[in-house]
Amino acid sequence: MPFIILRLLWRGMRSPAYWQRWSERFGLGPDLTTNKDVIWVHAVSVGEVEACRPLVTAMQTEFPDKQILITTMTPTGSERVGLLFSDSVLHCYLPYDLPFSINGFLKRTRPIFGVIMETEIWPNLAHTCKSRHIPIVLANARLSERSTQGYSRFPRFIKQTLDCFRFIATQGQQDKLNFQQLGADDSKVHAIGNLKYEVNLPASLLEQASAMRAMWDIDRPVWIAASTHEGEDEIILNASRQVRGTFSNLLLIIVPRHPERFERVAALSHRSGFKTLKRSENLPCSSDIEVLIVDTMGELPLFYAASDVALVCGSLIPHGGHNILEPAALGRAIITGAHYFNFNDITKQFLDAQAAIKISDTEELADTVSMLLNNPERRAQMGEASLKLIARSQGGSLRLINLIKRHVL
């Protein structure tokens, strides 16, 4: 408990929203019960909230007499719930995995069942739900080889926890095999595909992006480095310097993953000698601006749409990468680093389909960006391959709804 509180205080120094709504993090707060039965969906942060959108929409259609409650762990996830669903769902933070917190949360929300997105395997949560006869399912679950090895050090404990789930719906066959290897009942694990393939972008997005490009100079080459982490920005800036040798009017867009890094990345860009503009300054991105730092939330799809080439970060360092499906759904040429183990199956599919290119270092990154900017036909081919792959891979939310109807409701 002391370490949890210290961590909240420390995170709040970088992101003040962590200093708010502490009662919810310990299972307290206002009573969220309604006159409708509550279906609870847990989506830890922004990525999971986006992934659960088609599922929540399908459940609202399939179960109109039920109330949806979405829980998150991060303020950015909370903000995204409000942006996507407005008042059509209830929302609060999921408390920390302490018995009294979990019991308090379940008492004030009273869900009839829960859907836990991705691999949020919290032992007290799982066992308390089982003891209270609240069915829970693990949805869109993924389990890397490294995570499987880590969990396998506690075979009896992890098997008991997995047995608390009514069923586990995995993203791919390898994830299914990994869960079974940890002791999950074979009959309770189903590979249904990745819900994140059901990307739902606003119809007006491309139109907004075209208007933005027109303000920048529509013929200007643009590449984006999305969701960057510490240690990646230097690589990206160095690569961009090399690319500018061929494309003197190049615009690089950097989108740091975490808000607390916005100022540091902007300062790094300035120190590196680039004329830099921050999105929050609300100034025109004139032709002499070399680097645009997106220090706002919720605009990444717009900037993907306004770019020619998209580098999906978290993959230049051993972080594990991020989801490449948003730029893919926009038909963008995609580059990834070598460290994409958190999205291994998805990324491999795009690499095999020649819809994405893997690079290993600064030189490869610069060469690949230059090649793609110089080759619109190759970019178009990659975009078309991405759209075909996404179209073939959709339907996971419908399969999940059918499993819920068969095994839970």
Protein backbone atom coordinates (compact mmCIF):
# COMPACT_ATOMS: atom_id res chain seq x y z
CA MET A 1 0.00 0.00 0.00
CA PRO A 2 2.71 2.59 0.79
CA PHE A 3 4.38 1.86 -2.55
CA ILE A 4 1.07 2.26 -4.40
CA ILE A 5 0.51 5.68 -2.83
CA LEU A 6 4.10 6.76 -3.54
CA ARG A 7 3.69 5.67 -7.14
CA LEU A 8 0.49 7.71 -7.50
CA LEU A 9 2.26 10.76 -6.04
CA TRP A 10 5.24 10.29 -8.36
CA ARG A 11 3.08 9.84 -11.47
CA GLY A 12 1.04 12.87 -10.46
CA MET A 13 4.17 15.02 -10.61
CA ARG A 14 4.31 14.35 -14.34
CA SER A 15 0.59 14.01 -14.99
CA PRO A 16 -1.52 15.86 -12.34
CA ALA A 17 -4.65 13.87 -13.26
CA TYR A 18 -3.16 11.00 -11.20
CA TRP A 19 -3.72 13.11 -8.08
CA GLN A 20 -7.47 13.07 -8.62
CA ARG A 21 -10.20 10.49 -7.90
CA TRP A 22 -8.08 8.43 -5.49
CA SER A 23 -11.20 7.02 -3.81
CA GLU A 24 -12.03 5.08 -7.00
CA ARG A 25 -8.57 3.50 -7.00
CA PHE A 26 -9.37 1.94 -3.63
CA GLY A 27 -12.90 0.77 -4.43
CA LEU A 28 -14.70 3.75 -2.91
CA GLY A 29 -16.70 6.57 -4.46
CA PRO A 30 -20.31 7.10 -5.52
CA ASP A 31 -22.74 4.21 -5.94
CA LEU A 32 -22.92 3.36 -9.66
CA THR A 33 -25.83 0.93 -9.52
CA THR A 34 -28.75 1.68 -11.85
CA ASN A 35 -32.18 0.24 -12.51
CA LYS A 36 -30.56 -1.77 -15.33
CA ASP A 37 -28.28 -4.78 -15.10
CA VAL A 38 -24.65 -3.67 -15.49
CA ILE A 39 -22.24 -5.20 -17.99
CA TRP A 40 -18.70 -4.24 -17.01
CA VAL A 41 -15.85 -3.81 -19.51
CA HIS A 42 -12.30 -3.15 -18.29
CA ALA A 43 -9.97 -1.39 -20.73
CA VAL A 44 -6.75 -0.32 -19.02
CA SER A 45 -5.77 2.67 -21.20
CA VAL A 46 -6.27 4.42 -24.55
CA GLY A 47 -5.36 1.45 -26.78
CA GLU A 48 -7.70 -0.93 -24.99
CA VAL A 49 -10.52 1.64 -24.96
CA GLU A 50 -10.16 1.96 -28.73
CA ALA A 51 -10.13 -1.84 -29.08
CA CYS A 52 -13.31 -2.28 -27.04
CA ARG A 53 -15.27 0.31 -29.03
CA PRO A 54 -16.77 -2.15 -31.58
CA LEU A 55 -17.54 -4.60 -28.75
CA VAL A 56 -19.30 -1.97 -26.64
CA THR A 57 -21.26 -0.73 -29.65
CA ALA A 58 -22.29 -4.31 -30.48
CA MET A 59 -23.34 -4.99 -26.87
CA GLN A 60 -25.40 -1.80 -26.73
CA THR A 61 -27.26 -3.06 -29.81
CA GLU A 62 -27.48 -6.69 -28.67
CA PHE A 63 -28.39 -5.96 -25.04
CA PRO A 64 -30.32 -2.64 -25.09
CA ASP A 65 -31.80 -3.31 -21.65
CA LYS A 66 -28.34 -3.42 -20.03
CA GLN A 67 -26.09 -0.58 -18.81
CA ILE A 68 -22.43 -0.65 -19.88
CA LEU A 69 -19.76 0.30 -17.32
CA ILE A 70 -16.22 0.88 -18.61
CA THR A 71 -13.28 0.97 -16.20
CA THR A 72 -9.77 2.16 -16.98
CA MET A 73 -6.52 2.56 -15.03
CA THR A 74 -5.11 5.73 -16.61
CA PRO A 75 -6.41 9.31 -16.89
CA THR A 76 -5.82 9.23 -20.65
CA GLY A 77 -7.96 6.10 -20.88
CA SER A 78 -10.66 7.82 -18.82
CA GLU A 79 -10.57 10.83 -21.12
CA ARG A 80 -10.88 8.57 -24.16
CA VAL A 81 -13.98 6.86 -22.73
CA GLY A 82 -15.67 10.25 -22.39
CA LEU A 83 -14.66 11.25 -25.91
CA LEU A 84 -15.86 8.03 -27.58
CA PHE A 85 -18.98 7.20 -25.58
CA SER A 86 -20.07 10.43 -23.88
CA ASP A 87 -22.93 9.71 -21.44
CA SER A 88 -23.98 6.41 -23.04
CA VAL A 89 -21.79 4.43 -20.60
CA LEU A 90 -20.84 4.65 -16.94
CA HIS A 91 -17.16 5.08 -16.12
CA CYS A 92 -14.79 4.86 -13.16
CA TYR A 93 -11.25 3.68 -12.43
CA LEU A 94 -10.70 0.01 -11.67
CA PRO A 95 -9.24 -0.17 -8.15
CA TYR A 96 -5.89 -1.70 -7.33
CA ASP A 97 -5.84 -5.46 -6.89
CA LEU A 98 -6.35 -5.44 -3.12
CA PRO A 99 -9.14 -7.58 -1.62
CA PHE A 100 -10.94 -4.73 0.20
CA SER A 101 -10.69 -2.48 -2.91
CA ILE A 102 -12.07 -5.12 -5.26
CA ASN A 103 -14.92 -5.98 -2.88
CA GLY A 104 -15.80 -2.29 -2.53
CA PHE A 105 -15.81 -1.83 -6.31
CA LEU A 106 -18.03 -4.86 -6.95
CA LYS A 107 -20.41 -3.83 -4.17
CA ARG A 108 -20.97 -0.35 -5.62
CA THR A 109 -21.20 -1.44 -9.27
CA ARG A 110 -22.88 -4.89 -9.02
CA PRO A 111 -22.06 -6.13 -12.55
CA ILE A 112 -23.83 -9.23 -13.85
CA PHE A 113 -20.67 -10.13 -15.77
CA GLY A 114 -17.36 -8.58 -16.80
CA VAL A 115 -15.20 -8.44 -19.91
CA ILE A 116 -11.50 -7.89 -19.18
CA MET A 117 -9.69 -6.60 -22.26
CA GLU A 118 -6.22 -7.81 -23.30
CA THR A 119 -4.11 -9.52 -20.62
CA GLU A 120 -5.14 -7.81 -17.41
CA ILE A 121 -4.83 -10.89 -15.20
CA TRP A 122 -5.35 -9.61 -11.64
CA PRO A 123 -5.53 -12.53 -9.15
CA ASN A 124 -7.63 -10.90 -6.41
CA LEU A 125 -10.04 -9.52 -8.98
CA ALA A 126 -10.44 -12.90 -10.68
CA HIS A 127 -10.87 -14.89 -7.45
CA THR A 128 -13.22 -12.34 -5.86
CA CYS A 129 -15.46 -12.34 -8.94
CA LYS A 130 -15.57 -16.13 -8.84
CA SER A 131 -16.47 -16.16 -5.13
CA ARG A 132 -19.27 -13.64 -5.81
CA HIS A 133 -20.51 -15.71 -8.78
CA ILE A 134 -19.82 -12.88 -11.25
CA PRO A 135 -18.76 -14.44 -14.59
CA ILE A 136 -15.75 -12.77 -16.17
CA VAL A 137 -14.17 -13.35 -19.56
CA LEU A 138 -10.73 -12.42 -20.85
CA ALA A 139 -11.18 -10.84 -24.27
CA ASN A 140 -8.77 -9.88 -27.05
CA ALA A 141 -6.16 -11.67 -24.96
CA ARG A 142 -2.57 -11.84 -26.08
CA LEU A 143 0.33 -13.62 -24.42
CA SER A 144 3.87 -13.30 -25.74
CA GLU A 145 6.47 -16.04 -25.37
CA ARG A 146 8.30 -13.89 -22.83
CA SER A 147 5.16 -13.38 -20.72
CA THR A 148 4.37 -17.10 -20.94
CA GLN A 149 7.81 -17.93 -19.55
CA GLY A 150 7.33 -15.41 -16.75
CA TYR A 151 3.92 -16.77 -15.72
CA SER A 152 5.15 -20.37 -15.97
CA ARG A 153 7.34 -19.83 -12.89
CA PHE A 154 4.11 -20.00 -10.83
CA PRO A 155 2.21 -22.83 -12.56
CA ARG A 156 -0.32 -23.69 -9.85
CA PHE A 157 -1.09 -20.06 -9.03
CA ILE A 158 -1.60 -18.95 -12.64
CA LYS A 159 -3.73 -22.03 -13.45
CA GLN A 160 -6.02 -21.29 -10.49
CA THR A 161 -6.37 -17.68 -11.65
CA LEU A 162 -7.09 -18.62 -15.29
CA ASP A 163 -9.73 -21.10 -14.07
CA CYS A 164 -11.69 -18.12 -12.68
CA PHE A 165 -12.50 -16.95 -16.20
CA ARG A 166 -15.64 -18.31 -17.87
CA PHE A 167 -13.68 -18.34 -21.15
CA ILE A 168 -10.64 -16.72 -22.76
CA ALA A 169 -10.93 -15.21 -26.26
CA THR A 170 -7.45 -14.80 -27.74
CA GLN A 171 -6.21 -12.68 -30.63
CA GLY A 172 -4.42 -15.53 -32.41
CA GLN A 173 -3.64 -19.23 -32.42
CA GLN A 174 -0.23 -18.75 -30.78
CA ASP A 175 -1.85 -16.81 -27.93
CA LYS A 176 -4.32 -19.67 -27.51
CA LEU A 177 -1.49 -22.21 -27.31
CA ASN A 178 0.37 -20.07 -24.78
CA PHE A 179 -2.67 -19.86 -22.48
CA GLN A 180 -3.20 -23.61 -22.77
CA GLN A 181 0.48 -24.14 -21.94
CA LEU A 182 -0.12 -22.23 -18.68
CA GLY A 183 -2.92 -24.64 -17.75
CA ALA A 184 -6.05 -22.98 -19.12
CA ASP A 185 -8.77 -25.52 -19.95
CA ASP A 186 -8.57 -26.28 -23.70
CA SER A 187 -12.34 -26.05 -24.08
CA LYS A 188 -12.40 -22.54 -22.55
CA VAL A 189 -9.83 -20.91 -24.86
CA HIS A 190 -10.99 -19.64 -28.28
CA ALA A 191 -8.95 -17.86 -30.95
CA ILE A 192 -11.41 -15.31 -32.38
CA GLY A 193 -9.10 -12.73 -33.97
CA ASN A 194 -8.06 -9.27 -32.88
CA LEU A 195 -10.79 -6.75 -32.08
CA LYS A 196 -8.37 -3.96 -32.98
CA TYR A 197 -8.77 -4.91 -36.66
CA GLU A 198 -12.23 -3.37 -36.45
CA VAL A 199 -10.84 0.13 -36.81
CA ASN A 200 -13.63 2.68 -37.01
CA LEU A 201 -12.27 6.02 -38.18
CA PRO A 202 -14.47 9.07 -38.88
CA ALA A 203 -15.48 9.46 -42.51
CA SER A 204 -14.36 13.09 -42.40
CA LEU A 205 -10.82 12.25 -41.29
CA LEU A 206 -9.22 12.17 -44.76
CA GLU A 207 -10.99 15.41 -45.67
CA GLN A 208 -9.62 17.10 -42.53
CA ALA A 209 -6.15 15.73 -43.28
CA SER A 210 -6.26 17.05 -46.86
CA ALA A 211 -7.17 20.51 -45.58
CA MET A 212 -4.27 20.34 -43.14
CA ARG A 213 -1.85 19.29 -45.89
CA ALA A 214 -3.03 22.17 -48.06
CA MET A 215 -2.12 24.62 -45.29
CA TRP A 216 1.35 23.04 -45.01
CA ASP A 217 1.90 22.95 -48.82
CA ILE A 218 0.28 19.91 -50.37
CA ASP A 219 3.47 18.88 -52.22
CA ARG A 220 5.58 18.83 -49.05
CA PRO A 221 6.79 15.30 -48.03
CA VAL A 222 5.61 14.38 -44.52
CA TRP A 223 6.52 11.47 -42.26
CA ILE A 224 5.30 10.75 -38.75
CA ALA A 225 6.97 9.04 -35.78
CA ALA A 226 4.03 7.96 -33.63
CA SER A 227 3.98 7.03 -29.92
CA THR A 228 7.66 7.62 -29.27
CA HIS A 229 9.38 6.54 -26.05
CA GLU A 230 12.52 7.70 -24.28
CA GLY A 231 15.55 6.83 -26.40
CA GLU A 232 13.71 6.85 -29.73
CA ASP A 233 13.45 10.57 -30.45
CA GLU A 234 17.21 10.96 -30.93
CA ILE A 235 17.22 8.14 -33.49
CA ILE A 236 14.28 9.71 -35.33
CA LEU A 237 15.76 13.20 -35.40
CA ASN A 238 19.10 11.88 -36.68
CA ALA A 239 17.35 9.90 -39.40
CA SER A 240 15.28 12.94 -40.37
CA ARG A 241 18.46 15.02 -40.72
CA GLN A 242 19.73 12.46 -43.25
CA VAL A 243 16.43 12.38 -45.15
CA ARG A 244 16.48 16.19 -45.43
CA GLY A 245 19.63 15.80 -47.56
CA THR A 246 17.31 14.51 -50.29
CA PHE A 247 14.06 16.26 -49.33
CA SER A 248 14.98 19.75 -48.16
CA ASN A 249 11.32 20.69 -47.49
CA LEU A 250 10.66 17.59 -45.34
CA LEU A 251 8.28 17.84 -42.37
CA LEU A 252 8.73 15.40 -39.49
CA ILE A 253 5.81 14.94 -37.07
CA ILE A 254 6.69 13.48 -33.66
CA VAL A 255 3.91 12.25 -31.36
CA PRO A 256 5.30 11.32 -27.90
CA ARG A 257 3.45 8.45 -26.26
CA HIS A 258 3.10 10.08 -22.83
CA PRO A 259 2.03 13.68 -22.08
CA GLU A 260 4.78 14.15 -19.50
CA ARG A 261 7.34 13.87 -22.34
CA PHE A 262 5.85 16.56 -24.59
CA GLU A 263 8.08 19.39 -23.35
CA ARG A 264 11.23 17.25 -23.21
CA VAL A 265 10.84 16.10 -26.82
CA ALA A 266 10.20 19.64 -28.03
CA ALA A 267 13.32 20.83 -26.18
CA LEU A 268 15.38 17.98 -27.66
CA SER A 269 14.25 18.93 -31.16
CA HIS A 270 15.25 22.56 -30.57
CA ARG A 271 18.65 21.55 -29.18
CA SER A 272 19.20 19.31 -32.21
CA GLY A 273 18.99 22.36 -34.45
CA PHE A 274 15.52 21.85 -35.96
CA LYS A 275 13.02 24.67 -36.24
CA THR A 276 10.25 23.20 -34.09
CA LEU A 277 6.57 23.95 -33.58
CA LYS A 278 4.27 22.49 -30.93
CA ARG A 279 0.71 21.69 -31.92
CA SER A 280 -0.62 23.37 -28.76
CA GLU A 281 0.84 26.71 -29.88
CA ASN A 282 -1.97 26.92 -32.50
CA LEU A 283 0.31 28.65 -35.01
CA PRO A 284 0.53 27.95 -38.75
CA CYS A 285 2.98 25.20 -39.67
CA SER A 286 4.89 27.33 -42.16
CA SER A 287 7.30 26.01 -44.76
CA ASP A 288 10.35 26.69 -42.57
CA ILE A 289 9.07 24.44 -39.73
CA GLU A 290 11.08 21.21 -39.80
CA VAL A 291 9.59 19.33 -36.84
CA LEU A 292 6.01 19.44 -35.54
CA ILE A 293 5.51 18.06 -32.00
CA VAL A 294 1.95 16.86 -31.41
CA ASP A 295 1.50 17.69 -27.72
CA THR A 296 -2.27 17.19 -27.71
CA MET A 297 -4.35 14.10 -27.03
CA GLY A 298 -6.68 12.22 -29.37
CA GLU A 299 -5.33 13.60 -32.66
CA LEU A 300 -3.01 10.79 -33.73
CA PRO A 301 -5.39 9.42 -36.43
CA LEU A 302 -5.60 12.88 -38.01
CA PHE A 303 -1.82 13.16 -38.22
CA TYR A 304 -1.49 9.61 -39.56
CA ALA A 305 -3.95 10.62 -42.29
CA ALA A 306 -1.92 13.76 -43.05
CA SER A 307 1.37 11.83 -43.47
CA ASP A 308 2.92 9.93 -46.35
CA VAL A 309 4.95 7.49 -44.23
CA ALA A 310 4.24 6.27 -40.68
CA LEU A 311 6.87 4.95 -38.25
CA VAL A 312 5.12 3.15 -35.39
CA CYS A 313 7.38 3.53 -32.37
CA GLY A 314 8.00 1.68 -29.15
CA SER A 315 9.79 -0.65 -31.56
CA LEU A 316 13.15 1.11 -31.95
CA ILE A 317 13.96 0.14 -28.34
CA PRO A 318 13.02 -3.08 -26.48
CA HIS A 319 9.61 -1.75 -25.41
CA GLY A 320 7.55 -4.04 -27.62
CA GLY A 321 6.03 -1.68 -30.17
CA HIS A 322 2.53 -0.30 -30.62
CA ASN A 323 -0.49 -1.13 -32.71
CA ILE A 324 0.03 -0.53 -36.44
CA LEU A 325 -3.64 -0.89 -37.38
CA GLU A 326 -4.60 2.79 -37.35
CA PRO A 327 -2.10 3.85 -40.04
CA ALA A 328 -2.89 0.61 -41.87
CA ALA A 329 -6.61 1.44 -41.95
CA LEU A 330 -5.67 4.76 -43.54
CA GLY A 331 -3.62 3.04 -46.23
CA ARG A 332 -0.31 4.52 -45.09
CA ALA A 333 3.13 3.05 -45.78
CA ILE A 334 4.24 1.64 -42.41
CA ILE A 335 7.69 1.24 -40.88
CA THR A 336 8.41 -0.62 -37.64
CA GLY A 337 11.53 -1.18 -35.61
CA ALA A 338 12.81 -4.63 -34.69
CA HIS A 339 11.20 -4.76 -31.20
CA TYR A 340 7.49 -5.38 -31.83
CA PHE A 341 6.96 -8.36 -29.51
CA ASN A 342 3.85 -6.84 -27.87
CA PHE A 343 2.12 -6.96 -31.28
CA ASN A 344 4.03 -9.87 -32.74
CA ASP A 345 1.24 -11.62 -34.67
CA ILE A 346 -0.28 -8.46 -36.14
CA THR A 347 3.06 -6.97 -37.18
CA LYS A 348 4.26 -10.23 -38.72
CA GLN A 349 1.10 -10.44 -40.79
CA PHE A 350 1.74 -6.97 -42.21
CA LEU A 351 5.41 -7.70 -42.81
CA ASP A 352 4.57 -10.97 -44.61
CA ALA A 353 1.99 -9.15 -46.74
CA GLN A 354 4.63 -6.51 -47.62
CA ALA A 355 2.36 -3.91 -46.06
CA ALA A 356 5.07 -2.87 -43.59
CA ILE A 357 8.86 -2.64 -43.55
CA LYS A 358 11.11 -3.53 -40.59
CA ILE A 359 14.24 -1.48 -39.90
CA SER A 360 17.01 -2.00 -37.35
CA ASP A 361 18.94 1.26 -36.96
CA THR A 362 19.16 4.94 -37.85
CA GLU A 363 20.71 4.35 -41.26
CA GLU A 364 18.02 1.85 -42.29
CA LEU A 365 15.31 4.17 -41.03
CA ALA A 366 16.65 7.12 -43.07
CA ASP A 367 17.11 4.99 -46.19
CA THR A 368 13.62 3.48 -45.92
CA VAL A 369 11.88 6.83 -45.36
CA SER A 370 13.76 8.31 -48.32
CA MET A 371 12.91 5.33 -50.54
CA LEU A 372 9.20 5.50 -49.67
CA LEU A 373 8.94 9.27 -50.08
CA ASN A 374 10.58 8.91 -53.47
CA ASN A 375 8.30 6.05 -54.55
CA PRO A 376 4.55 6.87 -54.39
CA GLU A 377 3.74 3.64 -56.27
CA ARG A 378 5.37 1.54 -53.52
CA ARG A 379 3.48 3.50 -50.86
CA ALA A 380 0.20 2.87 -52.68
CA GLN A 381 0.94 -0.87 -52.95
CA MET A 382 1.67 -1.08 -49.23
CA GLY A 383 -1.52 0.82 -48.40
CA GLU A 384 -3.62 -1.45 -50.59
CA ALA A 385 -2.09 -4.56 -49.00
CA SER A 386 -2.90 -3.15 -45.54
CA LEU A 387 -6.55 -2.50 -46.40
CA LYS A 388 -6.99 -6.00 -47.83
CA LEU A 389 -5.44 -7.59 -44.74
CA ILE A 390 -7.69 -5.61 -42.40
CA ALA A 391 -10.81 -6.51 -44.40
CA ARG A 392 -9.94 -10.23 -44.16
CA SER A 393 -9.32 -10.05 -40.41
CA GLN A 394 -12.45 -8.34 -39.11
CA GLY A 395 -15.39 -9.95 -37.29
CA GLY A 396 -13.84 -10.59 -33.86
CA SER A 397 -16.43 -8.59 -31.91
CA LEU A 398 -19.32 -10.58 -33.43
CA ARG A 399 -17.58 -13.86 -32.56
CA LEU A 400 -17.03 -12.59 -29.02
CA ILE A 401 -20.69 -11.58 -28.63
CA ASN A 402 -21.73 -15.06 -29.76
CA LEU A 403 -19.42 -16.65 -27.15
CA ILE A 404 -20.88 -14.39 -24.44
CA LYS A 405 -24.43 -15.36 -25.43
CA ARG A 406 -23.48 -19.04 -25.42
CA HIS A 407 -21.44 -19.19 -22.21
CA VAL A 408 -22.52 -16.24 -20.03
CA LEU A 409 -26.00 -14.82 -20.77
